[in-house]
Amino acid sequence: MLHFDEYGDVTRPTIVFLHGAMAVDTFSQQYELFKRDYHVVAPHLYGAGISVEKYYDPIAIEAALLELIDFIGKPKIIVIRHS
C-alpha cells in the first residue's frame, strides 16, 4: 500500500490530497488549515517522498490509490489534486 501522512480526526470527513510535480508537500499549508475540520490523508505517490524508489506508473498509482481509499473505509471521501 502507498505510504501516507495523516492529519486531523479520523472520525471527520476525509480529504485525500494528491500532490503534483513529485512534491509530496505541495499542500503543506492546507494540511494545517484543513486538519481542524477534516481527516486529511496525503499519500506519497510513486516517485516522490517515501515512495521515491518506486517507478512512476499511472496504472500502478491508480490501483494503489483505490487500495488506499478502500483501506480508509469511508463511504465518501473528497479528493483534491494538483498538477
PDB file of N, CA and C in Angstrom:
ATOM      1  N   MET A   1       0.848  -1.185   0.000  1.00  0.00           N
ATOM      2  CA  MET A   1       0.000   0.000   0.000  1.00  0.00           C
ATOM      3  C   MET A   1       0.887   1.239   0.000  1.00  0.00           C
ATOM      4  N   LEU A   2       0.356   2.312  -0.563  1.00  0.00           N
ATOM      5  CA  LEU A   2       1.074   3.575  -0.551  1.00  0.00           C
ATOM      6  C   LEU A   2       1.337   4.035   0.870  1.00  0.00           C
ATOM      7  N   HIS A   3       2.509   4.601   1.086  1.00  0.00           N
ATOM      8  CA  HIS A   3       2.757   5.265   2.365  1.00  0.00           C
ATOM      9  C   HIS A   3       1.945   6.560   2.335  1.00  0.00           C
ATOM     10  N   PHE A   4       1.437   6.981   3.485  1.00  0.00           N
ATOM     11  CA  PHE A   4       0.691   8.237   3.534  1.00  0.00           C
ATOM     12  C   PHE A   4       0.880   8.902   4.878  1.00  0.00           C
ATOM     13  N   ASP A   5       0.756  10.221   4.873  1.00  0.00           N
ATOM     14  CA  ASP A   5       0.732  11.010   6.097  1.00  0.00           C
ATOM     15  C   ASP A   5      -0.731  11.299   6.387  1.00  0.00           C
ATOM     16  N   GLU A   6      -1.004  11.495   7.662  1.00  0.00           N
ATOM     17  CA  GLU A   6      -2.395  11.646   8.085  1.00  0.00           C
ATOM     18  C   GLU A   6      -2.471  12.731   9.150  1.00  0.00           C
ATOM     19  N   TYR A   7      -3.483  13.567   9.051  1.00  0.00           N
ATOM     20  CA  TYR A   7      -3.657  14.669   9.996  1.00  0.00           C
ATOM     21  C   TYR A   7      -5.127  14.761  10.381  1.00  0.00           C
ATOM     22  N   GLY A   8      -5.398  15.308  11.545  1.00  0.00           N
ATOM     23  CA  GLY A   8      -6.776  15.545  11.956  1.00  0.00           C
ATOM     24  C   GLY A   8      -7.454  14.318  12.533  1.00  0.00           C
ATOM     25  N   ASP A   9      -8.727  14.463  12.758  1.00  0.00           N
ATOM     26  CA  ASP A   9      -9.567  13.476  13.425  1.00  0.00           C
ATOM     27  C   ASP A   9     -10.148  12.489  12.408  1.00  0.00           C
ATOM     28  N   VAL A  10      -9.843  11.213  12.556  1.00  0.00           N
ATOM     29  CA  VAL A  10     -10.299  10.193  11.594  1.00  0.00           C
ATOM     30  C   VAL A  10     -11.817  10.029  11.568  1.00  0.00           C
ATOM     31  N   THR A  11     -12.508  10.539  12.566  1.00  0.00           N
ATOM     32  CA  THR A  11     -13.972  10.439  12.569  1.00  0.00           C
ATOM     33  C   THR A  11     -14.636  11.530  11.728  1.00  0.00           C
ATOM     34  N   ARG A  12     -13.879  12.510  11.305  1.00  0.00           N
ATOM     35  CA  ARG A  12     -14.416  13.599  10.476  1.00  0.00           C
ATOM     36  C   ARG A  12     -14.360  13.196   8.995  1.00  0.00           C
ATOM     37  N   PRO A  13     -15.019  13.951   8.129  1.00  0.00           N
ATOM     38  CA  PRO A  13     -14.929  13.665   6.691  1.00  0.00           C
ATOM     39  C   PRO A  13     -13.467  13.663   6.233  1.00  0.00           C
ATOM     40  N   THR A  14     -13.161  12.819   5.259  1.00  0.00           N
ATOM     41  CA  THR A  14     -11.779  12.653   4.801  1.00  0.00           C
ATOM     42  C   THR A  14     -11.534  13.377   3.488  1.00  0.00           C
ATOM     43  N   ILE A  15     -10.388  14.077   3.447  1.00  0.00           N
ATOM     44  CA  ILE A  15      -9.880  14.675   2.219  1.00  0.00           C
ATOM     45  C   ILE A  15      -8.568  13.965   1.893  1.00  0.00           C
ATOM     46  N   VAL A  16      -8.439  13.485   0.655  1.00  0.00           N
ATOM     47  CA  VAL A  16      -7.180  12.930   0.170  1.00  0.00           C
ATOM     48  C   VAL A  16      -6.573  13.968  -0.766  1.00  0.00           C
ATOM     49  N   PHE A  17      -5.390  14.472  -0.416  1.00  0.00           N
ATOM     50  CA  PHE A  17      -4.684  15.441  -1.238  1.00  0.00           C
ATOM     51  C   PHE A  17      -3.664  14.709  -2.104  1.00  0.00           C
ATOM     52  N   LEU A  18      -3.803  14.805  -3.416  1.00  0.00           N
ATOM     53  CA  LEU A  18      -2.863  14.179  -4.342  1.00  0.00           C
ATOM     54  C   LEU A  18      -1.898  15.251  -4.848  1.00  0.00           C
ATOM     55  N   HIS A  19      -0.645  15.104  -4.464  1.00  0.00           N
ATOM     56  CA  HIS A  19       0.365  16.104  -4.825  1.00  0.00           C
ATOM     57  C   HIS A  19       0.709  16.041  -6.302  1.00  0.00           C
ATOM     58  N   GLY A  20       1.278  17.115  -6.792  1.00  0.00           N
ATOM     59  CA  GLY A  20       1.736  17.164  -8.171  1.00  0.00           C
ATOM     60  C   GLY A  20       3.234  17.381  -8.222  1.00  0.00           C
ATOM     61  N   ALA A  21       3.770  17.280  -9.413  1.00  0.00           N
ATOM     62  CA  ALA A  21       5.177  17.575  -9.676  1.00  0.00           C
ATOM     63  C   ALA A  21       6.129  16.836  -8.738  1.00  0.00           C
ATOM     64  N   MET A  22       5.709  15.660  -8.324  1.00  0.00           N
ATOM     65  CA  MET A  22       6.528  14.813  -7.453  1.00  0.00           C
ATOM     66  C   MET A  22       6.926  15.479  -6.140  1.00  0.00           C
ATOM     67  N   ALA A  23       6.138  16.436  -5.691  1.00  0.00           N
ATOM     68  CA  ALA A  23       6.419  17.148  -4.442  1.00  0.00           C
ATOM     69  C   ALA A  23       5.335  16.813  -3.419  1.00  0.00           C
ATOM     70  N   VAL A  24       5.657  15.955  -2.489  1.00  0.00           N
ATOM     71  CA  VAL A  24       4.687  15.475  -1.507  1.00  0.00           C
ATOM     72  C   VAL A  24       4.073  16.614  -0.701  1.00  0.00           C
ATOM     73  N   ASP A  25       4.843  17.644  -0.423  1.00  0.00           N
ATOM     74  CA  ASP A  25       4.354  18.723   0.430  1.00  0.00           C
ATOM     75  C   ASP A  25       3.715  19.872  -0.332  1.00  0.00           C
ATOM     76  N   THR A  26       3.196  19.602  -1.532  1.00  0.00           N
ATOM     77  CA  THR A  26       2.537  20.625  -2.339  1.00  0.00           C
ATOM     78  C   THR A  26       1.477  21.376  -1.534  1.00  0.00           C
ATOM     79  N   PHE A  27       0.735  20.668  -0.712  1.00  0.00           N
ATOM     80  CA  PHE A  27      -0.388  21.260   0.028  1.00  0.00           C
ATOM     81  C   PHE A  27      -0.079  21.484   1.508  1.00  0.00           C
ATOM     82  N   SER A  28       1.179  21.557   1.898  1.00  0.00           N
ATOM     83  CA  SER A  28       1.517  21.558   3.328  1.00  0.00           C
ATOM     84  C   SER A  28       0.778  22.624   4.134  1.00  0.00           C
ATOM     85  N   GLN A  29       0.589  23.808   3.591  1.00  0.00           N
ATOM     86  CA  GLN A  29      -0.151  24.834   4.335  1.00  0.00           C
ATOM     87  C   GLN A  29      -1.627  24.459   4.468  1.00  0.00           C
ATOM     88  N   GLN A  30      -2.171  23.833   3.446  1.00  0.00           N
ATOM     89  CA  GLN A  30      -3.575  23.422   3.506  1.00  0.00           C
ATOM     90  C   GLN A  30      -3.791  22.312   4.518  1.00  0.00           C
ATOM     91  N   TYR A  31      -2.810  21.426   4.686  1.00  0.00           N
ATOM     92  CA  TYR A  31      -2.955  20.363   5.695  1.00  0.00           C
ATOM     93  C   TYR A  31      -3.254  20.982   7.050  1.00  0.00           C
ATOM     94  N   GLU A  32      -2.505  22.004   7.390  1.00  0.00           N
ATOM     95  CA  GLU A  32      -2.687  22.662   8.686  1.00  0.00           C
ATOM     96  C   GLU A  32      -4.065  23.296   8.812  1.00  0.00           C
ATOM     97  N   LEU A  33      -4.540  23.901   7.762  1.00  0.00           N
ATOM     98  CA  LEU A  33      -5.861  24.536   7.798  1.00  0.00           C
ATOM     99  C   LEU A  33      -6.991  23.512   7.870  1.00  0.00           C
ATOM    100  N   PHE A  34      -6.908  22.487   7.042  1.00  0.00           N
ATOM    101  CA  PHE A  34      -7.996  21.522   6.941  1.00  0.00           C
ATOM    102  C   PHE A  34      -8.039  20.516   8.080  1.00  0.00           C
ATOM    103  N   LYS A  35      -6.930  20.257   8.731  1.00  0.00           N
ATOM    104  CA  LYS A  35      -6.915  19.226   9.775  1.00  0.00           C
ATOM    105  C   LYS A  35      -7.808  19.574  10.967  1.00  0.00           C
ATOM    106  N   ARG A  36      -8.181  20.832  11.106  1.00  0.00           N
ATOM    107  CA  ARG A  36      -9.086  21.219  12.197  1.00  0.00           C
ATOM    108  C   ARG A  36     -10.490  20.649  12.006  1.00  0.00           C
ATOM    109  N   ASP A  37     -10.924  20.559  10.746  1.00  0.00           N
ATOM    110  CA  ASP A  37     -12.292  20.146  10.448  1.00  0.00           C
ATOM    111  C   ASP A  37     -12.407  18.835   9.680  1.00  0.00           C
ATOM    112  N   TYR A  38     -11.276  18.311   9.220  1.00  0.00           N
ATOM    113  CA  TYR A  38     -11.284  17.110   8.381  1.00  0.00           C
ATOM    114  C   TYR A  38     -10.197  16.119   8.803  1.00  0.00           C
ATOM    115  N   HIS A  39     -10.376  14.911   8.354  1.00  0.00           N
ATOM    116  CA  HIS A  39      -9.322  13.895   8.400  1.00  0.00           C
ATOM    117  C   HIS A  39      -8.581  14.049   7.078  1.00  0.00           C
ATOM    118  N   VAL A  40      -7.313  14.427   7.128  1.00  0.00           N
ATOM    119  CA  VAL A  40      -6.524  14.704   5.933  1.00  0.00           C
ATOM    120  C   VAL A  40      -5.564  13.545   5.677  1.00  0.00           C
ATOM    121  N   VAL A  41      -5.569  13.044   4.447  1.00  0.00           N
ATOM    122  CA  VAL A  41      -4.664  11.963   4.040  1.00  0.00           C
ATOM    123  C   VAL A  41      -3.820  12.482   2.877  1.00  0.00           C
ATOM    124  N   ALA A  42      -2.493  12.343   3.013  1.00  0.00           N
ATOM    125  CA  ALA A  42      -1.567  12.807   1.987  1.00  0.00           C
ATOM    126  C   ALA A  42      -0.668  11.639   1.571  1.00  0.00           C
ATOM    127  N   PRO A  43      -1.062  10.910   0.510  1.00  0.00           N
ATOM    128  CA  PRO A  43      -0.239   9.783   0.081  1.00  0.00           C
ATOM    129  C   PRO A  43       1.055  10.246  -0.585  1.00  0.00           C
ATOM    130  N   HIS A  44       2.076   9.420  -0.458  1.00  0.00           N
ATOM    131  CA  HIS A  44       3.338   9.639  -1.159  1.00  0.00           C
ATOM    132  C   HIS A  44       3.245   8.849  -2.463  1.00  0.00           C
ATOM    133  N   LEU A  45       2.862   9.534  -3.535  1.00  0.00           N
ATOM    134  CA  LEU A  45       2.697   8.858  -4.820  1.00  0.00           C
ATOM    135  C   LEU A  45       4.046   8.339  -5.314  1.00  0.00           C
ATOM    136  N   TYR A  46       4.015   7.271  -6.085  1.00  0.00           N
ATOM    137  CA  TYR A  46       5.245   6.659  -6.580  1.00  0.00           C
ATOM    138  C   TYR A  46       6.125   7.691  -7.266  1.00  0.00           C
ATOM    139  N   GLY A  47       7.413   7.652  -6.935  1.00  0.00           N
ATOM    140  CA  GLY A  47       8.376   8.590  -7.491  1.00  0.00           C
ATOM    141  C   GLY A  47       8.606   9.800  -6.606  1.00  0.00           C
ATOM    142  N   ALA A  48       7.952   9.851  -5.424  1.00  0.00           N
ATOM    143  CA  ALA A  48       8.088  11.004  -4.541  1.00  0.00           C
ATOM    144  C   ALA A  48       8.047  10.582  -3.076  1.00  0.00           C
ATOM    145  N   GLY A  49       8.603  11.428  -2.219  1.00  0.00           N
ATOM    146  CA  GLY A  49       8.567  11.180  -0.781  1.00  0.00           C
ATOM    147  C   GLY A  49       9.150   9.834  -0.414  1.00  0.00           C
ATOM    148  N   ILE A  50       8.520   9.138   0.495  1.00  0.00           N
ATOM    149  CA  ILE A  50       8.976   7.814   0.932  1.00  0.00           C
ATOM    150  C   ILE A  50       8.852   6.802  -0.210  1.00  0.00           C
ATOM    151  N   SER A  51       7.993   7.082  -1.181  1.00  0.00           N
ATOM    152  CA  SER A  51       7.800   6.177  -2.317  1.00  0.00           C
ATOM    153  C   SER A  51       8.694   6.523  -3.513  1.00  0.00           C
ATOM    154  N   VAL A  52       9.723   7.325  -3.288  1.00  0.00           N
ATOM    155  CA  VAL A  52      10.581   7.791  -4.377  1.00  0.00           C
ATOM    156  C   VAL A  52      11.259   6.648  -5.131  1.00  0.00           C
ATOM    157  N   GLU A  53      11.509   5.552  -4.473  1.00  0.00           N
ATOM    158  CA  GLU A  53      12.193   4.413  -5.095  1.00  0.00           C
ATOM    159  C   GLU A  53      11.301   3.661  -6.093  1.00  0.00           C
ATOM    160  N   LYS A  54       9.999   3.854  -5.986  1.00  0.00           N
ATOM    161  CA  LYS A  54       9.082   3.147  -6.892  1.00  0.00           C
ATOM    162  C   LYS A  54       8.944   3.920  -8.201  1.00  0.00           C
ATOM    163  N   TYR A  55       8.921   3.184  -9.274  1.00  0.00           N
ATOM    164  CA  TYR A  55       8.793   3.766 -10.605  1.00  0.00           C
ATOM    165  C   TYR A  55       7.426   4.424 -10.760  1.00  0.00           C
ATOM    166  N   TYR A  56       7.404   5.633 -11.325  1.00  0.00           N
ATOM    167  CA  TYR A  56       6.150   6.325 -11.584  1.00  0.00           C
ATOM    168  C   TYR A  56       5.400   5.612 -12.707  1.00  0.00           C
ATOM    169  N   ASP A  57       4.263   5.066 -12.366  1.00  0.00           N
ATOM    170  CA  ASP A  57       3.434   4.350 -13.334  1.00  0.00           C
ATOM    171  C   ASP A  57       1.974   4.689 -13.027  1.00  0.00           C
ATOM    172  N   PRO A  58       1.322   5.466 -13.905  1.00  0.00           N
ATOM    173  CA  PRO A  58      -0.052   5.893 -13.629  1.00  0.00           C
ATOM    174  C   PRO A  58      -1.019   4.747 -13.337  1.00  0.00           C
ATOM    175  N   ILE A  59      -0.882   3.621 -14.018  1.00  0.00           N
ATOM    176  CA  ILE A  59      -1.790   2.487 -13.792  1.00  0.00           C
ATOM    177  C   ILE A  59      -1.569   1.926 -12.384  1.00  0.00           C
ATOM    178  N   ALA A  60      -0.310   1.788 -11.976  1.00  0.00           N
ATOM    179  CA  ALA A  60       0.001   1.279 -10.638  1.00  0.00           C
ATOM    180  C   ALA A  60      -0.455   2.262  -9.560  1.00  0.00           C
ATOM    181  N   ILE A  61      -0.303   3.549  -9.822  1.00  0.00           N
ATOM    182  CA  ILE A  61      -0.746   4.556  -8.850  1.00  0.00           C
ATOM    183  C   ILE A  61      -2.263   4.514  -8.700  1.00  0.00           C
ATOM    184  N   GLU A  62      -2.967   4.356  -9.805  1.00  0.00           N
ATOM    185  CA  GLU A  62      -4.428   4.245  -9.733  1.00  0.00           C
ATOM    186  C   GLU A  62      -4.841   3.068  -8.849  1.00  0.00           C
ATOM    187  N   ALA A  63      -4.222   1.929  -9.053  1.00  0.00           N
ATOM    188  CA  ALA A  63      -4.538   0.747  -8.240  1.00  0.00           C
ATOM    189  C   ALA A  63      -4.189   0.985  -6.780  1.00  0.00           C
ATOM    190  N   ALA A  64      -3.049   1.622  -6.531  1.00  0.00           N
ATOM    191  CA  ALA A  64      -2.629   1.887  -5.155  1.00  0.00           C
ATOM    192  C   ALA A  64      -3.570   2.876  -4.470  1.00  0.00           C
ATOM    193  N   LEU A  65      -4.044   3.875  -5.214  1.00  0.00           N
ATOM    194  CA  LEU A  65      -4.990   4.833  -4.634  1.00  0.00           C
ATOM    195  C   LEU A  65      -6.326   4.176  -4.309  1.00  0.00           C
ATOM    196  N   LEU A  66      -6.791   3.305  -5.178  1.00  0.00           N
ATOM    197  CA  LEU A  66      -8.032   2.577  -4.879  1.00  0.00           C
ATOM    198  C   LEU A  66      -7.864   1.702  -3.645  1.00  0.00           C
ATOM    199  N   GLU A  67      -6.702   1.095  -3.499  1.00  0.00           N
ATOM    200  CA  GLU A  67      -6.413   0.296  -2.301  1.00  0.00           C
ATOM    201  C   GLU A  67      -6.407   1.179  -1.053  1.00  0.00           C
ATOM    202  N   LEU A  68      -5.798   2.357  -1.148  1.00  0.00           N
ATOM    203  CA  LEU A  68      -5.760   3.279  -0.016  1.00  0.00           C
ATOM    204  C   LEU A  68      -7.163   3.741   0.351  1.00  0.00           C
ATOM    205  N   ILE A  69      -7.969   4.095  -0.646  1.00  0.00           N
ATOM    206  CA  ILE A  69      -9.337   4.537  -0.385  1.00  0.00           C
ATOM    207  C   ILE A  69     -10.148   3.423   0.277  1.00  0.00           C
ATOM    208  N   ASP A  70      -9.952   2.212  -0.186  1.00  0.00           N
ATOM    209  CA  ASP A  70     -10.613   1.065   0.441  1.00  0.00           C
ATOM    210  C   ASP A  70     -10.156   0.905   1.889  1.00  0.00           C
ATOM    211  N   PHE A  71      -8.863   1.093   2.134  1.00  0.00           N
ATOM    212  CA  PHE A  71      -8.300   0.992   3.481  1.00  0.00           C
ATOM    213  C   PHE A  71      -8.901   2.053   4.408  1.00  0.00           C
ATOM    214  N   ILE A  72      -9.108   3.258   3.896  1.00  0.00           N
ATOM    215  CA  ILE A  72      -9.702   4.339   4.699  1.00  0.00           C
ATOM    216  C   ILE A  72     -11.082   3.917   5.176  1.00  0.00           C
ATOM    217  N   GLY A  73     -11.815   3.224   4.323  1.00  0.00           N
ATOM    218  CA  GLY A  73     -13.058   2.591   4.734  1.00  0.00           C
ATOM    219  C   GLY A  73     -14.251   3.491   4.936  1.00  0.00           C
ATOM    220  N   LYS A  74     -14.290   4.617   4.266  1.00  0.00           N
ATOM    221  CA  LYS A  74     -15.438   5.504   4.402  1.00  0.00           C
ATOM    222  C   LYS A  74     -16.260   5.463   3.121  1.00  0.00           C
ATOM    223  N   PRO A  75     -17.580   5.650   3.234  1.00  0.00           N
ATOM    224  CA  PRO A  75     -18.416   5.590   2.034  1.00  0.00           C
ATOM    225  C   PRO A  75     -18.150   6.746   1.060  1.00  0.00           C
ATOM    226  N   LYS A  76     -17.662   7.874   1.565  1.00  0.00           N
ATOM    227  CA  LYS A  76     -17.357   9.032   0.722  1.00  0.00           C
ATOM    228  C   LYS A  76     -16.059   9.663   1.198  1.00  0.00           C
ATOM    229  N   ILE A  77     -15.276  10.141   0.236  1.00  0.00           N
ATOM    230  CA  ILE A  77     -14.106  10.945   0.550  1.00  0.00           C
ATOM    231  C   ILE A  77     -14.058  12.092  -0.460  1.00  0.00           C
ATOM    232  N   ILE A  78     -13.294  13.101  -0.132  1.00  0.00           N
ATOM    233  CA  ILE A  78     -13.044  14.223  -1.026  1.00  0.00           C
ATOM    234  C   ILE A  78     -11.622  14.040  -1.547  1.00  0.00           C
ATOM    235  N   VAL A  79     -11.437  14.204  -2.848  1.00  0.00           N
ATOM    236  CA  VAL A  79     -10.098  14.114  -3.432  1.00  0.00           C
ATOM    237  C   VAL A  79      -9.767  15.472  -4.043  1.00  0.00           C
ATOM    238  N   ILE A  80      -8.617  16.003  -3.664  1.00  0.00           N
ATOM    239  CA  ILE A  80      -8.126  17.266  -4.222  1.00  0.00           C
ATOM    240  C   ILE A  80      -6.756  16.971  -4.816  1.00  0.00           C
ATOM    241  N   ARG A  81      -6.570  17.386  -6.061  1.00  0.00           N
ATOM    242  CA  ARG A  81      -5.301  17.079  -6.710  1.00  0.00           C
ATOM    243  C   ARG A  81      -4.645  18.343  -7.247  1.00  0.00           C
ATOM    244  N   HIS A  82      -3.366  18.233  -7.474  1.00  0.00           N
ATOM    245  CA  HIS A  82      -2.584  19.339  -8.015  1.00  0.00           C
ATOM    246  C   HIS A  82      -1.817  18.836  -9.221  1.00  0.00           C
ATOM    247  N   SER A  83      -1.783  19.600 -10.272  1.00  0.00           N
ATOM    248  CA  SER A  83      -0.965  19.352 -11.446  1.00  0.00           C
ATOM    249  C   SER A  83      -1.580  18.389 -12.434  1.00  0.00           C
TER     250      SER A  83
END
